[in-house]
PDB file of N, CA and C in Angstrom:
ATOM      1  N   MET A   1      67.071  92.150  60.891  1.00  0.00           N
ATOM      2  CA  MET A   1      66.334  92.686  62.016  1.00  0.00           C
ATOM      3  C   MET A   1      66.419  94.221  62.043  1.00  0.00           C
ATOM      4  N   LYS A   2      67.640  94.730  61.896  1.00  0.00           N
ATOM      5  CA  LYS A   2      67.849  96.178  61.918  1.00  0.00           C
ATOM      6  C   LYS A   2      67.175  96.829  60.712  1.00  0.00           C
ATOM      7  N   PHE A   3      67.268  96.174  59.544  1.00  0.00           N
ATOM      8  CA  PHE A   3      66.642  96.708  58.340  1.00  0.00           C
ATOM      9  C   PHE A   3      65.122  96.785  58.509  1.00  0.00           C
ATOM     10  N   GLY A   4      64.531  95.730  59.025  1.00  0.00           N
ATOM     11  CA  GLY A   4      63.079  95.701  59.197  1.00  0.00           C
ATOM     12  C   GLY A   4      62.586  96.737  60.183  1.00  0.00           C
ATOM     13  N   LEU A   5      63.301  96.908  61.273  1.00  0.00           N
ATOM     14  CA  LEU A   5      62.913  97.897  62.270  1.00  0.00           C
ATOM     15  C   LEU A   5      63.033  99.312  61.706  1.00  0.00           C
ATOM     16  N   LEU A   6      64.133  99.575  61.008  1.00  0.00           N
ATOM     17  CA  LEU A   6      64.300 100.894  60.377  1.00  0.00           C
ATOM     18  C   LEU A   6      63.237 101.137  59.318  1.00  0.00           C
ATOM     19  N   LEU A   7      62.929 100.115  58.531  1.00  0.00           N
ATOM     20  CA  LEU A   7      61.908 100.245  57.495  1.00  0.00           C
ATOM     21  C   LEU A   7      60.564 100.603  58.112  1.00  0.00           C
ATOM     22  N   LEU A   8      60.197  99.931  59.176  1.00  0.00           N
ATOM     23  CA  LEU A   8      58.923 100.186  59.841  1.00  0.00           C
ATOM     24  C   LEU A   8      58.867 101.604  60.419  1.00  0.00           C
ATOM     25  N   ILE A   9      59.915 102.008  61.110  1.00  0.00           N
ATOM     26  CA  ILE A   9      59.938 103.344  61.730  1.00  0.00           C
ATOM     27  C   ILE A   9      59.933 104.437  60.671  1.00  0.00           C
ATOM     28  N   LEU A  10      60.786 104.305  59.662  1.00  0.00           N
ATOM     29  CA  LEU A  10      60.870 105.342  58.629  1.00  0.00           C
ATOM     30  C   LEU A  10      59.594 105.411  57.798  1.00  0.00           C
ATOM     31  N   PHE A  11      58.989 104.266  57.499  1.00  0.00           N
ATOM     32  CA  PHE A  11      57.731 104.272  56.752  1.00  0.00           C
ATOM     33  C   PHE A  11      56.632 104.966  57.550  1.00  0.00           C
ATOM     34  N   ALA A  12      56.579 104.691  58.843  1.00  0.00           N
ATOM     35  CA  ALA A  12      55.574 105.349  59.684  1.00  0.00           C
ATOM     36  C   ALA A  12      55.788 106.863  59.713  1.00  0.00           C
ATOM     37  N   LEU A  13      57.040 107.286  59.840  1.00  0.00           N
ATOM     38  CA  LEU A  13      57.325 108.720  59.898  1.00  0.00           C
ATOM     39  C   LEU A  13      57.029 109.416  58.578  1.00  0.00           C
ATOM     40  N   LEU A  14      57.315 108.751  57.458  1.00  0.00           N
ATOM     41  CA  LEU A  14      57.129 109.389  56.156  1.00  0.00           C
ATOM     42  C   LEU A  14      55.681 109.372  55.688  1.00  0.00           C
ATOM     43  N   SER A  15      54.883 108.444  56.180  1.00  0.00           N
ATOM     44  CA  SER A  15      53.520 108.330  55.661  1.00  0.00           C
ATOM     45  C   SER A  15      52.467 108.973  56.554  1.00  0.00           C
ATOM     46  N   VAL A  16      52.806 109.396  57.753  1.00  0.00           N
ATOM     47  CA  VAL A  16      51.816 109.931  58.684  1.00  0.00           C
ATOM     48  C   VAL A  16      51.394 111.346  58.315  1.00  0.00           C
ATOM     49  N   SER A  17      52.328 112.208  58.076  1.00  0.00           N
ATOM     50  CA  SER A  17      52.039 113.632  57.884  1.00  0.00           C
ATOM     51  C   SER A  17      51.635 113.924  56.439  1.00  0.00           C
ATOM     52  N   GLN A  18      50.640 114.785  56.282  1.00  0.00           N
ATOM     53  CA  GLN A  18      50.250 115.225  54.949  1.00  0.00           C
ATOM     54  C   GLN A  18      51.156 116.334  54.434  1.00  0.00           C
ATOM     55  N   ASP A  19      51.889 116.983  55.326  1.00  0.00           N
ATOM     56  CA  ASP A  19      52.817 118.054  54.958  1.00  0.00           C
ATOM     57  C   ASP A  19      54.241 117.561  55.204  1.00  0.00           C
ATOM     58  N   SER A  20      54.573 116.415  54.637  1.00  0.00           N
ATOM     59  CA  SER A  20      55.836 115.765  54.962  1.00  0.00           C
ATOM     60  C   SER A  20      56.933 116.140  53.974  1.00  0.00           C
ATOM     61  N   MET A  21      58.072 115.528  54.202  1.00  0.00           N
ATOM     62  CA  MET A  21      59.231 115.725  53.347  1.00  0.00           C
ATOM     63  C   MET A  21      58.932 115.270  51.918  1.00  0.00           C
ATOM     64  N   LEU A  22      58.120 114.229  51.742  1.00  0.00           N
ATOM     65  CA  LEU A  22      57.806 113.730  50.399  1.00  0.00           C
ATOM     66  C   LEU A  22      57.016 114.756  49.601  1.00  0.00           C
ATOM     67  N   ARG A  23      56.069 115.409  50.245  1.00  0.00           N
ATOM     68  CA  ARG A  23      55.302 116.452  49.550  1.00  0.00           C
ATOM     69  C   ARG A  23      56.215 117.629  49.212  1.00  0.00           C
ATOM     70  N   PHE A  24      57.119 117.962  50.107  1.00  0.00           N
ATOM     71  CA  PHE A  24      58.055 119.059  49.889  1.00  0.00           C
ATOM     72  C   PHE A  24      58.981 118.760  48.711  1.00  0.00           C
ATOM     73  N   LEU A  25      59.349 117.475  48.528  1.00  0.00           N
ATOM     74  CA  LEU A  25      60.230 117.081  47.434  1.00  0.00           C
ATOM     75  C   LEU A  25      59.478 116.763  46.146  1.00  0.00           C
ATOM     76  N   GLY A  26      58.150 116.866  46.169  1.00  0.00           N
ATOM     77  CA  GLY A  26      57.353 116.663  44.973  1.00  0.00           C
ATOM     78  C   GLY A  26      56.931 115.227  44.722  1.00  0.00           C
ATOM     79  N   LEU A  27      56.934 114.385  45.738  1.00  0.00           N
ATOM     80  CA  LEU A  27      56.563 112.978  45.589  1.00  0.00           C
ATOM     81  C   LEU A  27      55.227 112.681  46.261  1.00  0.00           C
ATOM     82  N   ALA A  28      54.287 113.608  46.191  1.00  0.00           N
ATOM     83  CA  ALA A  28      53.057 113.472  46.968  1.00  0.00           C
ATOM     84  C   ALA A  28      51.927 112.772  46.228  1.00  0.00           C
ATOM     85  N   GLU A  29      52.055 112.553  44.922  1.00  0.00           N
ATOM     86  CA  GLU A  29      50.946 111.955  44.184  1.00  0.00           C
ATOM     87  C   GLU A  29      50.641 110.544  44.668  1.00  0.00           C
ATOM     88  N   HIS A  30      51.649 109.739  44.819  1.00  0.00           N
ATOM     89  CA  HIS A  30      51.487 108.378  45.321  1.00  0.00           C
ATOM     90  C   HIS A  30      52.267 108.285  46.626  1.00  0.00           C
ATOM     91  N   GLN A  31      51.750 108.930  47.662  1.00  0.00           N
ATOM     92  CA  GLN A  31      52.527 109.113  48.881  1.00  0.00           C
ATOM     93  C   GLN A  31      52.838 107.792  49.581  1.00  0.00           C
ATOM     94  N   ALA A  32      51.924 106.845  49.585  1.00  0.00           N
ATOM     95  CA  ALA A  32      52.182 105.571  50.274  1.00  0.00           C
ATOM     96  C   ALA A  32      53.293 104.796  49.572  1.00  0.00           C
ATOM     97  N   LEU A  33      53.239 104.734  48.250  1.00  0.00           N
ATOM     98  CA  LEU A  33      54.277 104.029  47.493  1.00  0.00           C
ATOM     99  C   LEU A  33      55.614 104.759  47.603  1.00  0.00           C
ATOM    100  N   ALA A  34      55.586 106.067  47.507  1.00  0.00           N
ATOM    101  CA  ALA A  34      56.826 106.845  47.636  1.00  0.00           C
ATOM    102  C   ALA A  34      57.412 106.694  49.034  1.00  0.00           C
ATOM    103  N   ALA A  35      56.565 106.672  50.057  1.00  0.00           N
ATOM    104  CA  ALA A  35      57.052 106.497  51.428  1.00  0.00           C
ATOM    105  C   ALA A  35      57.675 105.122  51.601  1.00  0.00           C
ATOM    106  N   LEU A  36      57.086 104.099  50.994  1.00  0.00           N
ATOM    107  CA  LEU A  36      57.641 102.753  51.090  1.00  0.00           C
ATOM    108  C   LEU A  36      58.987 102.653  50.382  1.00  0.00           C
ATOM    109  N   VAL A  37      59.084 103.206  49.193  1.00  0.00           N
ATOM    110  CA  VAL A  37      60.338 103.145  48.429  1.00  0.00           C
ATOM    111  C   VAL A  37      61.438 103.951  49.118  1.00  0.00           C
ATOM    112  N   VAL A  38      61.117 105.166  49.536  1.00  0.00           N
ATOM    113  CA  VAL A  38      62.117 106.018  50.192  1.00  0.00           C
ATOM    114  C   VAL A  38      62.558 105.408  51.519  1.00  0.00           C
ATOM    115  N   SER A  39      61.623 104.879  52.292  1.00  0.00           N
ATOM    116  CA  SER A  39      62.005 104.265  53.566  1.00  0.00           C
ATOM    117  C   SER A  39      62.813 102.998  53.356  1.00  0.00           C
ATOM    118  N   ALA A  40      62.526 102.229  52.297  1.00  0.00           N
ATOM    119  CA  ALA A  40      63.334 101.037  51.998  1.00  0.00           C
ATOM    120  C   ALA A  40      64.751 101.427  51.584  1.00  0.00           C
ATOM    121  N   LEU A  41      64.877 102.468  50.775  1.00  0.00           N
ATOM    122  CA  LEU A  41      66.205 102.936  50.374  1.00  0.00           C
ATOM    123  C   LEU A  41      66.990 103.473  51.573  1.00  0.00           C
ATOM    124  N   MET A  42      66.314 104.227  52.429  1.00  0.00           N
ATOM    125  CA  MET A  42      66.995 104.757  53.606  1.00  0.00           C
ATOM    126  C   MET A  42      67.388 103.642  54.566  1.00  0.00           C
ATOM    127  N   ALA A  43      66.496 102.678  54.770  1.00  0.00           N
ATOM    128  CA  ALA A  43      66.808 101.558  55.672  1.00  0.00           C
ATOM    129  C   ALA A  43      67.950 100.720  55.116  1.00  0.00           C
ATOM    130  N   GLY A  44      67.981 100.538  53.795  1.00  0.00           N
ATOM    131  CA  GLY A  44      69.085  99.811  53.178  1.00  0.00           C
ATOM    132  C   GLY A  44      70.404 100.539  53.327  1.00  0.00           C
ATOM    133  N   ALA A  45      70.372 101.840  53.208  1.00  0.00           N
ATOM    134  CA  ALA A  45      71.600 102.622  53.356  1.00  0.00           C
ATOM    135  C   ALA A  45      72.086 102.660  54.800  1.00  0.00           C
ATOM    136  N   LEU A  46      71.163 102.545  55.749  1.00  0.00           N
ATOM    137  CA  LEU A  46      71.529 102.650  57.154  1.00  0.00           C
ATOM    138  C   LEU A  46      71.747 101.307  57.841  1.00  0.00           C
ATOM    139  N   ALA A  47      71.359 100.221  57.215  1.00  0.00           N
ATOM    140  CA  ALA A  47      71.391  98.914  57.888  1.00  0.00           C
ATOM    141  C   ALA A  47      72.797  98.502  58.304  1.00  0.00           C
ATOM    142  N   ALA A  48      73.793  98.845  57.529  1.00  0.00           N
ATOM    143  CA  ALA A  48      75.165  98.444  57.845  1.00  0.00           C
ATOM    144  C   ALA A  48      75.917  99.500  58.660  1.00  0.00           C
ATOM    145  N   ARG A  49      75.269 100.568  58.995  1.00  0.00           N
ATOM    146  CA  ARG A  49      75.916 101.664  59.724  1.00  0.00           C
ATOM    147  C   ARG A  49      75.713 101.516  61.229  1.00  0.00           C
ATOM    148  N   PRO A  50      76.495 102.238  62.027  1.00  0.00           N
ATOM    149  CA  PRO A  50      76.332 102.168  63.490  1.00  0.00           C
ATOM    150  C   PRO A  50      74.957 102.657  63.937  1.00  0.00           C
ATOM    151  N   ILE A  51      74.538 102.194  65.099  1.00  0.00           N
ATOM    152  CA  ILE A  51      73.210 102.519  65.610  1.00  0.00           C
ATOM    153  C   ILE A  51      73.048 104.015  65.874  1.00  0.00           C
ATOM    154  N   GLY A  52      74.116 104.702  66.208  1.00  0.00           N
ATOM    155  CA  GLY A  52      74.045 106.149  66.426  1.00  0.00           C
ATOM    156  C   GLY A  52      73.642 106.897  65.173  1.00  0.00           C
ATOM    157  N   MET A  53      74.175 106.469  64.032  1.00  0.00           N
ATOM    158  CA  MET A  53      73.817 107.098  62.766  1.00  0.00           C
ATOM    159  C   MET A  53      72.342 106.826  62.437  1.00  0.00           C
ATOM    160  N   CYS A  54      71.863 105.647  62.791  1.00  0.00           N
ATOM    161  CA  CYS A  54      70.459 105.309  62.556  1.00  0.00           C
ATOM    162  C   CYS A  54      69.542 106.184  63.411  1.00  0.00           C
ATOM    163  N   VAL A  55      69.921 106.403  64.648  1.00  0.00           N
ATOM    164  CA  VAL A  55      69.118 107.239  65.544  1.00  0.00           C
ATOM    165  C   VAL A  55      69.090 108.680  65.041  1.00  0.00           C
ATOM    166  N   ILE A  56      70.226 109.177  64.601  1.00  0.00           N
ATOM    167  CA  ILE A  56      70.279 110.541  64.049  1.00  0.00           C
ATOM    168  C   ILE A  56      69.399 110.649  62.814  1.00  0.00           C
ATOM    169  N   ALA A  57      69.425 109.641  61.946  1.00  0.00           N
ATOM    170  CA  ALA A  57      68.595 109.657  60.740  1.00  0.00           C
ATOM    171  C   ALA A  57      67.112 109.631  61.087  1.00  0.00           C
ATOM    172  N   VAL A  58      66.726 108.872  62.096  1.00  0.00           N
ATOM    173  CA  VAL A  58      65.317 108.832  62.508  1.00  0.00           C
ATOM    174  C   VAL A  58      64.894 110.182  63.084  1.00  0.00           C
ATOM    175  N   ILE A  59      65.740 110.809  63.873  1.00  0.00           N
ATOM    176  CA  ILE A  59      65.425 112.135  64.430  1.00  0.00           C
ATOM    177  C   ILE A  59      65.298 113.165  63.314  1.00  0.00           C
ATOM    178  N   LEU A  60      66.205 113.129  62.351  1.00  0.00           N
ATOM    179  CA  LEU A  60      66.121 114.081  61.230  1.00  0.00           C
ATOM    180  C   LEU A  60      64.909 113.814  60.345  1.00  0.00           C
ATOM    181  N   THR A  61      64.533 112.542  60.186  1.00  0.00           N
ATOM    182  CA  THR A  61      63.331 112.224  59.415  1.00  0.00           C
ATOM    183  C   THR A  61      62.093 112.740  60.129  1.00  0.00           C
ATOM    184  N   THR A  62      62.084 112.644  61.447  1.00  0.00           N
ATOM    185  CA  THR A  62      60.970 113.196  62.217  1.00  0.00           C
ATOM    186  C   THR A  62      60.889 114.710  62.020  1.00  0.00           C
ATOM    187  N   ALA A  63      62.023 115.379  62.068  1.00  0.00           N
ATOM    188  CA  ALA A  63      62.036 116.834  61.875  1.00  0.00           C
ATOM    189  C   ALA A  63      61.672 117.210  60.444  1.00  0.00           C
ATOM    190  N   ALA A  64      62.109 116.426  59.469  1.00  0.00           N
ATOM    191  CA  ALA A  64      61.821 116.750  58.076  1.00  0.00           C
ATOM    192  C   ALA A  64      60.378 116.448  57.698  1.00  0.00           C
ATOM    193  N   SER A  65      59.733 115.542  58.420  1.00  0.00           N
ATOM    194  CA  SER A  65      58.351 115.183  58.103  1.00  0.00           C
ATOM    195  C   SER A  65      57.330 115.956  58.924  1.00  0.00           C
ATOM    196  N   ALA A  66      57.785 116.735  59.864  1.00  0.00           N
ATOM    197  CA  ALA A  66      56.868 117.533  60.679  1.00  0.00           C
ATOM    198  C   ALA A  66      56.342 118.712  59.858  1.00  0.00           C
ATOM    199  N   PRO A  67      55.182 119.230  60.224  1.00  0.00           N
ATOM    200  CA  PRO A  67      54.679 120.424  59.530  1.00  0.00           C
ATOM    201  C   PRO A  67      55.657 121.592  59.652  1.00  0.00           C
ATOM    202  N   ALA A  68      55.676 122.427  58.651  1.00  0.00           N
ATOM    203  CA  ALA A  68      56.642 123.528  58.593  1.00  0.00           C
ATOM    204  C   ALA A  68      56.490 124.489  59.771  1.00  0.00           C
ATOM    205  N   GLU A  69      55.252 124.724  60.218  1.00  0.00           N
ATOM    206  CA  GLU A  69      55.044 125.649  61.337  1.00  0.00           C
ATOM    207  C   GLU A  69      55.645 125.099  62.624  1.00  0.00           C
ATOM    208  N   ALA A  70      55.495 123.797  62.843  1.00  0.00           N
ATOM    209  CA  ALA A  70      56.034 123.187  64.061  1.00  0.00           C
ATOM    210  C   ALA A  70      57.557 123.244  64.076  1.00  0.00           C
ATOM    211  N   VAL A  71      58.167 122.995  62.926  1.00  0.00           N
ATOM    212  CA  VAL A  71      59.624 123.035  62.837  1.00  0.00           C
ATOM    213  C   VAL A  71      60.124 124.467  62.993  1.00  0.00           C
ATOM    214  N   ALA A  72      59.402 125.424  62.444  1.00  0.00           N
ATOM    215  CA  ALA A  72      59.805 126.826  62.564  1.00  0.00           C
ATOM    216  C   ALA A  72      59.745 127.293  64.017  1.00  0.00           C
ATOM    217  N   ARG A  73      58.778 126.785  64.781  1.00  0.00           N
ATOM    218  CA  ARG A  73      58.698 127.154  66.202  1.00  0.00           C
ATOM    219  C   ARG A  73      59.868 126.594  66.998  1.00  0.00           C
ATOM    220  N   MET A  74      60.469 125.500  66.502  1.00  0.00           N
ATOM    221  CA  MET A  74      61.636 124.928  67.183  1.00  0.00           C
ATOM    222  C   MET A  74      62.910 125.694  66.855  1.00  0.00           C
ATOM    223  N   GLY A  75      62.866 126.553  65.848  1.00  0.00           N
ATOM    224  CA  GLY A  75      63.994 127.425  65.586  1.00  0.00           C
ATOM    225  C   GLY A  75      64.851 127.067  64.391  1.00  0.00           C
ATOM    226  N   TYR A  76      64.416 126.159  63.539  1.00  0.00           N
ATOM    227  CA  TYR A  76      65.191 125.871  62.340  1.00  0.00           C
ATOM    228  C   TYR A  76      64.250 125.541  61.191  1.00  0.00           C
ATOM    229  N   ASP A  77      64.809 125.497  60.018  1.00  0.00           N
ATOM    230  CA  ASP A  77      64.033 125.217  58.821  1.00  0.00           C
ATOM    231  C   ASP A  77      64.166 123.745  58.470  1.00  0.00           C
ATOM    232  N   ARG A  78      63.112 123.132  57.965  1.00  0.00           N
ATOM    233  CA  ARG A  78      63.204 121.712  57.645  1.00  0.00           C
ATOM    234  C   ARG A  78      64.052 121.438  56.405  1.00  0.00           C
ATOM    235  N   ASP A  79      64.358 122.478  55.635  1.00  0.00           N
ATOM    236  CA  ASP A  79      65.297 122.309  54.526  1.00  0.00           C
ATOM    237  C   ASP A  79      66.652 121.839  55.044  1.00  0.00           C
ATOM    238  N   TYR A  80      67.060 122.388  56.177  1.00  0.00           N
ATOM    239  CA  TYR A  80      68.334 121.982  56.770  1.00  0.00           C
ATOM    240  C   TYR A  80      68.295 120.535  57.239  1.00  0.00           C
ATOM    241  N   ALA A  81      67.172 120.112  57.799  1.00  0.00           N
ATOM    242  CA  ALA A  81      67.033 118.722  58.246  1.00  0.00           C
ATOM    243  C   ALA A  81      67.090 117.768  57.058  1.00  0.00           C
ATOM    244  N   ILE A  82      66.445 118.134  55.950  1.00  0.00           N
ATOM    245  CA  ILE A  82      66.469 117.291  54.745  1.00  0.00           C
ATOM    246  C   ILE A  82      67.883 117.231  54.173  1.00  0.00           C
ATOM    247  N   ALA A  83      68.553 118.369  54.104  1.00  0.00           N
ATOM    248  CA  ALA A  83      69.920 118.389  53.563  1.00  0.00           C
ATOM    249  C   ALA A  83      70.876 117.585  54.426  1.00  0.00           C
ATOM    250  N   LEU A  84      70.757 117.714  55.729  1.00  0.00           N
ATOM    251  CA  LEU A  84      71.620 116.944  56.633  1.00  0.00           C
ATOM    252  C   LEU A  84      71.321 115.455  56.543  1.00  0.00           C
ATOM    253  N   LEU A  85      70.053 115.098  56.408  1.00  0.00           N
ATOM    254  CA  LEU A  85      69.676 113.689  56.270  1.00  0.00           C
ATOM    255  C   LEU A  85      70.261 113.092  54.993  1.00  0.00           C
ATOM    256  N   ILE A  86      70.177 113.816  53.901  1.00  0.00           N
ATOM    257  CA  ILE A  86      70.750 113.331  52.639  1.00  0.00           C
ATOM    258  C   ILE A  86      72.261 113.195  52.751  1.00  0.00           C
ATOM    259  N   SER A  87      72.899 114.152  53.399  1.00  0.00           N
ATOM    260  CA  SER A  87      74.357 114.059  53.541  1.00  0.00           C
ATOM    261  C   SER A  87      74.764 112.897  54.444  1.00  0.00           C
ATOM    262  N   ILE A  88      73.995 112.625  55.490  1.00  0.00           N
ATOM    263  CA  ILE A  88      74.300 111.484  56.356  1.00  0.00           C
ATOM    264  C   ILE A  88      74.137 110.168  55.599  1.00  0.00           C
ATOM    265  N   LEU A  89      73.165 110.115  54.714  1.00  0.00           N
ATOM    266  CA  LEU A  89      72.944 108.882  53.956  1.00  0.00           C
ATOM    267  C   LEU A  89      73.996 108.668  52.871  1.00  0.00           C
ATOM    268  N   LEU A  90      74.467 109.740  52.246  1.00  0.00           N
ATOM    269  CA  LEU A  90      75.369 109.598  51.101  1.00  0.00           C
ATOM    270  C   LEU A  90      76.854 109.663  51.445  1.00  0.00           C
ATOM    271  N   THR A  91      77.216 110.346  52.499  1.00  0.00           N
ATOM    272  CA  THR A  91      78.634 110.533  52.829  1.00  0.00           C
ATOM    273  C   THR A  91      79.415 109.236  53.007  1.00  0.00           C
ATOM    274  N   PRO A  92      78.904 108.224  53.700  1.00  0.00           N
ATOM    275  CA  PRO A  92      79.685 106.979  53.825  1.00  0.00           C
ATOM    276  C   PRO A  92      80.005 106.327  52.487  1.00  0.00           C
ATOM    277  N   TYR A  93      79.086 106.404  51.537  1.00  0.00           N
ATOM    278  CA  TYR A  93      79.339 105.815  50.224  1.00  0.00           C
ATOM    279  C   TYR A  93      80.373 106.624  49.441  1.00  0.00           C
ATOM    280  N   ILE A  94      80.351 107.926  49.588  1.00  0.00           N
ATOM    281  CA  ILE A  94      81.346 108.765  48.922  1.00  0.00           C
ATOM    282  C   ILE A  94      82.724 108.497  49.492  1.00  0.00           C
ATOM    283  N   VAL A  95      82.813 108.347  50.802  1.00  0.00           N
ATOM    284  CA  VAL A  95      84.086 108.043  51.439  1.00  0.00           C
ATOM    285  C   VAL A  95      84.597 106.674  50.990  1.00  0.00           C
ATOM    286  N   ASP A  96      83.716 105.682  50.885  1.00  0.00           N
ATOM    287  CA  ASP A  96      84.127 104.360  50.404  1.00  0.00           C
ATOM    288  C   ASP A  96      84.661 104.407  48.976  1.00  0.00           C
ATOM    289  N   ILE A  97      84.031 105.209  48.129  1.00  0.00           N
ATOM    290  CA  ILE A  97      84.486 105.350  46.740  1.00  0.00           C
ATOM    291  C   ILE A  97      85.836 106.051  46.685  1.00  0.00           C
ATOM    292  N   MET A  98      86.025 107.072  47.516  1.00  0.00           N
ATOM    293  CA  MET A  98      87.287 107.800  47.512  1.00  0.00           C
ATOM    294  C   MET A  98      88.427 106.965  48.077  1.00  0.00           C
ATOM    295  N   ASP A  99      88.126 106.067  49.020  1.00  0.00           N
ATOM    296  CA  ASP A  99      89.165 105.219  49.606  1.00  0.00           C
ATOM    297  C   ASP A  99      89.582 104.089  48.683  1.00  0.00           C
ATOM    298  N   ALA A 100      88.730 103.724  47.747  1.00  0.00           N
ATOM    299  CA  ALA A 100      89.057 102.599  46.847  1.00  0.00           C
ATOM    300  C   ALA A 100      90.060 102.960  45.799  1.00  0.00           C
TER     301      ALA A 100
END
C-alpha cells in the first residue's frame, strides 16, 4: 500500500514538469519511462522507512522538479534539493552496511 502510494505520487511529480529533475540529470529523452523507473526505485527505497522520511522525500522531489526560476524565488537552488534527496535515499543503506 505504501509502495503504491509513493510510486503514484513520485511518478506524478517527476513526469509533470518539463524542466524537472530528470531533465537536469540528463534523463529527458524518454521522460515517461525514466520517471517510472526513478519513482519505482525511490518508492522501493522509501517503502520500509518511517512516514516522516517519505514526506520529506516527497517535499524534496517537489522542490527538485519545480522550474529553476520558481525554486530560486524561494531562496535556494534545486541542486541542494537533489543532493539532499539522494542522501536521504542512500544514507540508511550505508548505515546498514556499516553496522553489519
